[in-house]
């Protein structure tokens, strides 16, 4: 196999952007193979720039992820792809694999889950709460909203919200809950690279058996495997 090299770098040709209070140039990735080179913006720089990764606690201050975190995640996924395709590597294969394996499943599913919450509250007689979830709370993690709903809703209503989610929403709720049991801030994401390991699949099924015993774990795993880009699995 021909030599493959890559590096992450801050693109000083572009204007500085705000990374949770730190002014920095956007992070880019360069990959070279057979004297051809591709450049692209770091997926993880964009991911961890999002407001949902910023912590702000009244009376205790605020903080965001370190700018080194996206570099760490880029190195992990690129090394994984190079090793996986050591016998058939090409830049086209790399680009397709990167789009698949780097994606955060929690981010991928959250928008659809918010749409579900929006519809649920409109149908359940709380349209303005639905509007708030859809239009006014995008900086708040949807899973965190659900935890507050559990504290503040009557049990019957909360149980209905969760039960209906398994019929009308993408499997965001169990995936984020599973991820948050295994990880700590700021690395609150579950990449497709991680998901496709047998260890994680088995651990997820065990999590479902514990917290959602009435859910068909095998079918839910198949549903996640059928998400966008899964044709490349």
C-alpha atoms as a PDB file:
ATOM      1  CA  UNK A   1       0.000   0.000   0.000  1.00  0.00           C
ATOM      2  CA  UNK A   2       1.217   3.499  -0.828  1.00  0.00           C
ATOM      3  CA  UNK A   3       1.987   5.836   2.012  1.00  0.00           C
ATOM      4  CA  UNK A   4      -0.945   7.738   3.501  1.00  0.00           C
ATOM      5  CA  UNK A   5      -0.333  10.931   5.438  1.00  0.00           C
ATOM      6  CA  UNK A   6      -2.686  13.357   7.088  1.00  0.00           C
ATOM      7  CA  UNK A   7      -2.652  16.301   9.420  1.00  0.00           C
ATOM      8  CA  UNK A   8      -5.074  18.632  11.139  1.00  0.00           C
ATOM      9  CA  UNK A   9      -4.393  22.339  10.946  1.00  0.00           C
ATOM     10  CA  UNK A  10      -6.019  25.671  11.657  1.00  0.00           C
ATOM     11  CA  UNK A  11      -6.893  27.310   8.346  1.00  0.00           C
ATOM     12  CA  UNK A  12      -5.377  30.780   8.726  1.00  0.00           C
ATOM     13  CA  UNK A  13      -6.728  31.765   5.312  1.00  0.00           C
ATOM     14  CA  UNK A  14     -10.160  31.990   6.883  1.00  0.00           C
ATOM     15  CA  UNK A  15     -11.407  34.433   9.485  1.00  0.00           C
ATOM     16  CA  UNK A  16     -11.251  33.463  13.115  1.00  0.00           C
ATOM     17  CA  UNK A  17     -14.416  32.044  14.630  1.00  0.00           C
ATOM     18  CA  UNK A  18     -15.647  31.719  18.181  1.00  0.00           C
ATOM     19  CA  UNK A  19     -15.079  28.340  19.822  1.00  0.00           C
ATOM     20  CA  UNK A  20     -16.902  28.750  23.135  1.00  0.00           C
ATOM     21  CA  UNK A  21     -15.217  32.047  23.948  1.00  0.00           C
ATOM     22  CA  UNK A  22     -11.891  31.256  22.271  1.00  0.00           C
ATOM     23  CA  UNK A  23     -11.086  32.997  18.991  1.00  0.00           C
ATOM     24  CA  UNK A  24      -9.532  30.485  16.597  1.00  0.00           C
ATOM     25  CA  UNK A  25      -9.275  29.716  12.916  1.00  0.00           C
ATOM     26  CA  UNK A  26     -11.462  26.813  11.737  1.00  0.00           C
ATOM     27  CA  UNK A  27      -9.883  23.381  11.991  1.00  0.00           C
ATOM     28  CA  UNK A  28      -9.230  21.599   8.689  1.00  0.00           C
ATOM     29  CA  UNK A  29      -7.899  18.184   7.691  1.00  0.00           C
ATOM     30  CA  UNK A  30      -5.430  17.344   4.927  1.00  0.00           C
ATOM     31  CA  UNK A  31      -5.085  13.777   3.614  1.00  0.00           C
ATOM     32  CA  UNK A  32      -2.457  12.767   1.018  1.00  0.00           C
ATOM     33  CA  UNK A  33      -2.297   9.508  -0.931  1.00  0.00           C
ATOM     34  CA  UNK A  34      -0.392   8.723  -4.139  1.00  0.00           C
ATOM     35  CA  UNK A  35       0.676  12.360  -4.454  1.00  0.00           C
ATOM     36  CA  UNK A  36      -2.935  13.526  -4.424  1.00  0.00           C
ATOM     37  CA  UNK A  37      -4.253  15.632  -1.564  1.00  0.00           C
ATOM     38  CA  UNK A  38      -7.718  16.518  -0.319  1.00  0.00           C
ATOM     39  CA  UNK A  39      -8.623  19.233   2.192  1.00  0.00           C
ATOM     40  CA  UNK A  40     -11.823  19.520   4.177  1.00  0.00           C
ATOM     41  CA  UNK A  41     -13.256  21.202   7.242  1.00  0.00           C
ATOM     42  CA  UNK A  42     -13.149  19.142  10.430  1.00  0.00           C
ATOM     43  CA  UNK A  43     -16.514  17.580  11.225  1.00  0.00           C
ATOM     44  CA  UNK A  44     -15.663  17.506  14.916  1.00  0.00           C
ATOM     45  CA  UNK A  45     -14.697  21.171  15.009  1.00  0.00           C
ATOM     46  CA  UNK A  46     -18.199  22.003  13.807  1.00  0.00           C
ATOM     47  CA  UNK A  47     -19.770  19.448  16.132  1.00  0.00           C
ATOM     48  CA  UNK A  48     -18.077  20.591  19.338  1.00  0.00           C
ATOM     49  CA  UNK A  49     -18.606  24.251  18.419  1.00  0.00           C
ATOM     50  CA  UNK A  50     -22.332  23.774  18.943  1.00  0.00           C
ATOM     51  CA  UNK A  51     -23.999  25.476  21.934  1.00  0.00           C
ATOM     52  CA  UNK A  52     -25.124  22.110  23.337  1.00  0.00           C
ATOM     53  CA  UNK A  53     -21.535  21.399  24.387  1.00  0.00           C
ATOM     54  CA  UNK A  54     -21.269  24.652  26.382  1.00  0.00           C
ATOM     55  CA  UNK A  55     -21.875  24.447  30.119  1.00  0.00           C
ATOM     56  CA  UNK A  56     -23.276  27.449  31.985  1.00  0.00           C
ATOM     57  CA  UNK A  57     -24.329  27.050  35.611  1.00  0.00           C
ATOM     58  CA  UNK A  58     -25.748  30.032  37.561  1.00  0.00           C
ATOM     59  CA  UNK A  59     -23.337  31.015  40.303  1.00  0.00           C
ATOM     60  CA  UNK A  60     -20.690  28.539  39.162  1.00  0.00           C
ATOM     61  CA  UNK A  61     -19.558  29.984  35.834  1.00  0.00           C
ATOM     62  CA  UNK A  62     -19.332  28.528  32.364  1.00  0.00           C
ATOM     63  CA  UNK A  63     -16.956  26.552  30.183  1.00  0.00           C
ATOM     64  CA  UNK A  64     -16.701  24.909  26.814  1.00  0.00           C
ATOM     65  CA  UNK A  65     -14.688  22.002  25.376  1.00  0.00           C
ATOM     66  CA  UNK A  66     -10.976  22.484  24.830  1.00  0.00           C
ATOM     67  CA  UNK A  67     -10.021  23.237  21.224  1.00  0.00           C
ATOM     68  CA  UNK A  68      -7.829  20.126  21.289  1.00  0.00           C
ATOM     69  CA  UNK A  69     -10.864  17.814  21.529  1.00  0.00           C
ATOM     70  CA  UNK A  70     -11.783  18.003  17.806  1.00  0.00           C
ATOM     71  CA  UNK A  71      -8.162  17.160  16.923  1.00  0.00           C
ATOM     72  CA  UNK A  72      -8.280  14.082  19.143  1.00  0.00           C
ATOM     73  CA  UNK A  73     -11.522  12.872  17.536  1.00  0.00           C
ATOM     74  CA  UNK A  74     -10.216  13.479  14.012  1.00  0.00           C
ATOM     75  CA  UNK A  75      -7.103  11.422  14.732  1.00  0.00           C
ATOM     76  CA  UNK A  76      -9.206   8.555  16.067  1.00  0.00           C
ATOM     77  CA  UNK A  77     -11.539   8.261  13.093  1.00  0.00           C
ATOM     78  CA  UNK A  78      -8.855   8.813  10.428  1.00  0.00           C
ATOM     79  CA  UNK A  79      -6.543   6.202  11.964  1.00  0.00           C
ATOM     80  CA  UNK A  80      -9.495   3.812  12.105  1.00  0.00           C
ATOM     81  CA  UNK A  81     -10.346   4.300   8.415  1.00  0.00           C
ATOM     82  CA  UNK A  82      -6.740   3.930   7.288  1.00  0.00           C
ATOM     83  CA  UNK A  83      -6.398   0.652   9.187  1.00  0.00           C
ATOM     84  CA  UNK A  84      -9.779  -0.646   7.992  1.00  0.00           C
ATOM     85  CA  UNK A  85      -8.928   0.076   4.347  1.00  0.00           C
ATOM     86  CA  UNK A  86      -5.219  -0.666   4.364  1.00  0.00           C
ATOM     87  CA  UNK A  87      -5.696  -3.058   1.421  1.00  0.00           C
ATOM     88  CA  UNK A  88      -8.048  -0.993  -0.755  1.00  0.00           C
ATOM     89  CA  UNK A  89      -7.472   2.607   0.279  1.00  0.00           C
ATOM     90  CA  UNK A  90      -8.261   5.461  -2.087  1.00  0.00           C
ATOM     91  CA  UNK A  91      -9.231   9.060  -1.470  1.00  0.00           C
ATOM     92  CA  UNK A  92     -12.741   8.368  -2.741  1.00  0.00           C
ATOM     93  CA  UNK A  93     -13.125   5.460  -0.338  1.00  0.00           C
ATOM     94  CA  UNK A  94     -11.748   7.631   2.438  1.00  0.00           C
ATOM     95  CA  UNK A  95     -14.246  10.442   1.821  1.00  0.00           C
ATOM     96  CA  UNK A  96     -17.177   8.041   1.871  1.00  0.00           C
ATOM     97  CA  UNK A  97     -15.911   6.253   4.969  1.00  0.00           C
ATOM     98  CA  UNK A  98     -15.249   9.537   6.766  1.00  0.00           C
ATOM     99  CA  UNK A  99     -18.787  10.759   6.112  1.00  0.00           C
ATOM    100  CA  UNK A 100     -20.107   7.510   7.569  1.00  0.00           C
ATOM    101  CA  UNK A 101     -17.882   6.726  10.528  1.00  0.00           C
ATOM    102  CA  UNK A 102     -17.343  10.234  11.890  1.00  0.00           C
ATOM    103  CA  UNK A 103     -21.031  11.157  12.236  1.00  0.00           C
ATOM    104  CA  UNK A 104     -22.424  11.618  15.744  1.00  0.00           C
ATOM    105  CA  UNK A 105     -25.614   9.568  16.047  1.00  0.00           C
ATOM    106  CA  UNK A 106     -26.952  11.807  18.810  1.00  0.00           C
ATOM    107  CA  UNK A 107     -26.728  14.874  16.583  1.00  0.00           C
ATOM    108  CA  UNK A 108     -28.102  12.932  13.617  1.00  0.00           C
ATOM    109  CA  UNK A 109     -31.231  11.931  15.526  1.00  0.00           C
ATOM    110  CA  UNK A 110     -31.902  14.957  17.699  1.00  0.00           C
ATOM    111  CA  UNK A 111     -33.655  17.062  15.073  1.00  0.00           C
ATOM    112  CA  UNK A 112     -36.165  14.288  14.352  1.00  0.00           C
ATOM    113  CA  UNK A 113     -36.732  13.790  18.061  1.00  0.00           C
ATOM    114  CA  UNK A 114     -37.436  17.503  18.521  1.00  0.00           C
ATOM    115  CA  UNK A 115     -39.970  17.305  15.713  1.00  0.00           C
ATOM    116  CA  UNK A 116     -41.622  14.473  17.586  1.00  0.00           C
ATOM    117  CA  UNK A 117     -41.754  16.530  20.806  1.00  0.00           C
ATOM    118  CA  UNK A 118     -43.210  19.469  18.869  1.00  0.00           C
ATOM    119  CA  UNK A 119     -45.996  17.306  17.421  1.00  0.00           C
ATOM    120  CA  UNK A 120     -46.629  15.515  20.715  1.00  0.00           C
ATOM    121  CA  UNK A 121     -47.196  18.714  22.682  1.00  0.00           C
ATOM    122  CA  UNK A 122     -49.431  20.199  20.003  1.00  0.00           C
ATOM    123  CA  UNK A 123     -51.521  17.032  19.952  1.00  0.00           C
ATOM    124  CA  UNK A 124     -51.504  16.824  23.743  1.00  0.00           C
ATOM    125  CA  UNK A 125     -52.864  20.336  24.290  1.00  0.00           C
ATOM    126  CA  UNK A 126     -49.625  22.255  24.974  1.00  0.00           C
ATOM    127  CA  UNK A 127     -48.874  23.942  21.632  1.00  0.00           C
ATOM    128  CA  UNK A 128     -46.742  26.720  23.083  1.00  0.00           C
ATOM    129  CA  UNK A 129     -44.552  24.199  24.878  1.00  0.00           C
ATOM    130  CA  UNK A 130     -44.181  22.503  21.506  1.00  0.00           C
ATOM    131  CA  UNK A 131     -43.200  25.805  19.911  1.00  0.00           C
ATOM    132  CA  UNK A 132     -40.683  26.418  22.693  1.00  0.00           C
ATOM    133  CA  UNK A 133     -39.050  23.027  22.129  1.00  0.00           C
ATOM    134  CA  UNK A 134     -38.876  23.536  18.368  1.00  0.00           C
ATOM    135  CA  UNK A 135     -37.936  27.200  18.117  1.00  0.00           C
ATOM    136  CA  UNK A 136     -36.610  28.428  21.445  1.00  0.00           C
ATOM    137  CA  UNK A 137     -34.524  25.727  23.081  1.00  0.00           C
ATOM    138  CA  UNK A 138     -32.046  24.643  20.421  1.00  0.00           C
ATOM    139  CA  UNK A 139     -29.074  25.331  22.684  1.00  0.00           C
ATOM    140  CA  UNK A 140     -30.441  22.804  25.204  1.00  0.00           C
ATOM    141  CA  UNK A 141     -29.851  19.085  24.702  1.00  0.00           C
ATOM    142  CA  UNK A 142     -33.189  17.375  24.040  1.00  0.00           C
ATOM    143  CA  UNK A 143     -32.292  14.554  26.425  1.00  0.00           C
ATOM    144  CA  UNK A 144     -31.786  17.108  29.217  1.00  0.00           C
ATOM    145  CA  UNK A 145     -35.226  18.517  28.446  1.00  0.00           C
ATOM    146  CA  UNK A 146     -36.651  15.029  28.859  1.00  0.00           C
ATOM    147  CA  UNK A 147     -35.042  14.709  32.291  1.00  0.00           C
ATOM    148  CA  UNK A 148     -36.735  17.924  33.400  1.00  0.00           C
ATOM    149  CA  UNK A 149     -40.022  16.761  31.903  1.00  0.00           C
ATOM    150  CA  UNK A 150     -39.745  13.634  34.041  1.00  0.00           C
ATOM    151  CA  UNK A 151     -39.284  15.763  37.173  1.00  0.00           C
ATOM    152  CA  UNK A 152     -42.132  18.137  36.383  1.00  0.00           C
ATOM    153  CA  UNK A 153     -44.786  16.181  34.476  1.00  0.00           C
ATOM    154  CA  UNK A 154     -47.330  13.863  35.967  1.00  0.00           C
ATOM    155  CA  UNK A 155     -46.104  10.287  35.602  1.00  0.00           C
ATOM    156  CA  UNK A 156     -48.920   9.339  33.238  1.00  0.00           C
ATOM    157  CA  UNK A 157     -48.075  12.137  30.841  1.00  0.00           C
ATOM    158  CA  UNK A 158     -44.337  11.490  30.929  1.00  0.00           C
ATOM    159  CA  UNK A 159     -44.829   7.765  30.366  1.00  0.00           C
ATOM    160  CA  UNK A 160     -47.042   8.550  27.374  1.00  0.00           C
ATOM    161  CA  UNK A 161     -44.334  10.861  26.005  1.00  0.00           C
ATOM    162  CA  UNK A 162     -41.699   8.124  26.248  1.00  0.00           C
ATOM    163  CA  UNK A 163     -43.896   5.285  24.994  1.00  0.00           C
ATOM    164  CA  UNK A 164     -45.037   7.216  21.932  1.00  0.00           C
ATOM    165  CA  UNK A 165     -41.427   8.119  21.139  1.00  0.00           C
ATOM    166  CA  UNK A 166     -40.667   4.489  20.297  1.00  0.00           C
ATOM    167  CA  UNK A 167     -43.411   4.577  17.664  1.00  0.00           C
ATOM    168  CA  UNK A 168     -43.148   8.082  16.240  1.00  0.00           C
ATOM    169  CA  UNK A 169     -39.591   9.301  16.860  1.00  0.00           C
ATOM    170  CA  UNK A 170     -36.120   8.184  15.834  1.00  0.00           C
ATOM    171  CA  UNK A 171     -34.307   6.179  18.563  1.00  0.00           C
ATOM    172  CA  UNK A 172     -32.611   9.254  20.000  1.00  0.00           C
ATOM    173  CA  UNK A 173     -33.825   8.765  23.571  1.00  0.00           C
ATOM    174  CA  UNK A 174     -32.273   5.334  24.249  1.00  0.00           C
ATOM    175  CA  UNK A 175     -29.116   6.141  22.274  1.00  0.00           C
ATOM    176  CA  UNK A 176     -28.392   9.365  24.135  1.00  0.00           C
ATOM    177  CA  UNK A 177     -29.195   7.764  27.470  1.00  0.00           C
ATOM    178  CA  UNK A 178     -26.859   4.871  26.679  1.00  0.00           C
ATOM    179  CA  UNK A 179     -24.097   7.228  25.563  1.00  0.00           C
ATOM    180  CA  UNK A 180     -24.411   9.477  28.628  1.00  0.00           C
ATOM    181  CA  UNK A 181     -23.942   6.480  30.936  1.00  0.00           C
ATOM    182  CA  UNK A 182     -20.605   5.668  29.300  1.00  0.00           C
ATOM    183  CA  UNK A 183     -19.173   9.132  28.709  1.00  0.00           C
ATOM    184  CA  UNK A 184     -18.612  12.402  30.506  1.00  0.00           C
ATOM    185  CA  UNK A 185     -18.692  15.994  29.365  1.00  0.00           C
ATOM    186  CA  UNK A 186     -17.434  17.308  27.027  1.00  0.00           C
ATOM    187  CA  UNK A 187     -17.195  14.154  24.887  1.00  0.00           C
ATOM    188  CA  UNK A 188     -20.942  13.581  24.820  1.00  0.00           C
ATOM    189  CA  UNK A 189     -21.271  11.978  21.422  1.00  0.00           C
ATOM    190  CA  UNK A 190     -21.638   8.498  19.964  1.00  0.00           C
ATOM    191  CA  UNK A 191     -19.988   8.136  16.590  1.00  0.00           C
ATOM    192  CA  UNK A 192     -20.869   5.572  13.978  1.00  0.00           C
ATOM    193  CA  UNK A 193     -17.306   4.284  14.322  1.00  0.00           C
ATOM    194  CA  UNK A 194     -18.022   3.469  17.963  1.00  0.00           C
ATOM    195  CA  UNK A 195     -21.498   2.135  17.272  1.00  0.00           C
ATOM    196  CA  UNK A 196     -20.334  -0.422  14.708  1.00  0.00           C
ATOM    197  CA  UNK A 197     -18.225  -2.300  17.246  1.00  0.00           C
ATOM    198  CA  UNK A 198     -19.668  -5.536  18.647  1.00  0.00           C
ATOM    199  CA  UNK A 199     -18.850  -4.426  22.189  1.00  0.00           C
ATOM    200  CA  UNK A 200     -21.017  -1.320  21.904  1.00  0.00           C
ATOM    201  CA  UNK A 201     -23.890  -3.168  20.214  1.00  0.00           C
ATOM    202  CA  UNK A 202     -24.012  -5.760  22.993  1.00  0.00           C
ATOM    203  CA  UNK A 203     -23.722  -3.090  25.687  1.00  0.00           C
ATOM    204  CA  UNK A 204     -26.584  -1.151  24.086  1.00  0.00           C
ATOM    205  CA  UNK A 205     -28.818  -4.237  24.067  1.00  0.00           C
ATOM    206  CA  UNK A 206     -28.015  -4.766  27.754  1.00  0.00           C
ATOM    207  CA  UNK A 207     -28.906  -1.120  28.420  1.00  0.00           C
ATOM    208  CA  UNK A 208     -32.269  -1.568  26.687  1.00  0.00           C
ATOM    209  CA  UNK A 209     -33.026  -4.700  28.696  1.00  0.00           C
ATOM    210  CA  UNK A 210     -32.409  -2.746  31.895  1.00  0.00           C
ATOM    211  CA  UNK A 211     -34.203   0.521  31.150  1.00  0.00           C
ATOM    212  CA  UNK A 212     -36.637  -0.351  28.319  1.00  0.00           C
ATOM    213  CA  UNK A 213     -37.436  -4.058  28.808  1.00  0.00           C
ATOM    214  CA  UNK A 214     -40.518  -3.911  26.576  1.00  0.00           C
ATOM    215  CA  UNK A 215     -38.540  -2.676  23.568  1.00  0.00           C
ATOM    216  CA  UNK A 216     -37.271  -5.121  20.944  1.00  0.00           C
ATOM    217  CA  UNK A 217     -33.530  -4.501  21.210  1.00  0.00           C
ATOM    218  CA  UNK A 218     -32.641  -6.341  18.010  1.00  0.00           C
ATOM    219  CA  UNK A 219     -35.112  -4.321  15.956  1.00  0.00           C
ATOM    220  CA  UNK A 220     -33.847  -1.087  17.456  1.00  0.00           C
ATOM    221  CA  UNK A 221     -30.248  -1.998  16.594  1.00  0.00           C
ATOM    222  CA  UNK A 222     -31.378  -2.719  13.021  1.00  0.00           C
ATOM    223  CA  UNK A 223     -33.102   0.671  12.920  1.00  0.00           C
ATOM    224  CA  UNK A 224     -29.900   2.451  13.947  1.00  0.00           C
ATOM    225  CA  UNK A 225     -27.911   0.437  11.406  1.00  0.00           C
ATOM    226  CA  UNK A 226     -30.358   1.611   8.757  1.00  0.00           C
ATOM    227  CA  UNK A 227     -29.694   5.293   9.352  1.00  0.00           C
ATOM    228  CA  UNK A 228     -28.249   7.523   6.566  1.00  0.00           C
ATOM    229  CA  UNK A 229     -24.848   6.356   5.244  1.00  0.00           C
ATOM    230  CA  UNK A 230     -25.506   2.819   6.554  1.00  0.00           C
ATOM    231  CA  UNK A 231     -25.374   1.435   2.996  1.00  0.00           C
ATOM    232  CA  UNK A 232     -21.654   1.842   3.390  1.00  0.00           C
ATOM    233  CA  UNK A 233     -21.404  -0.311   6.536  1.00  0.00           C
END
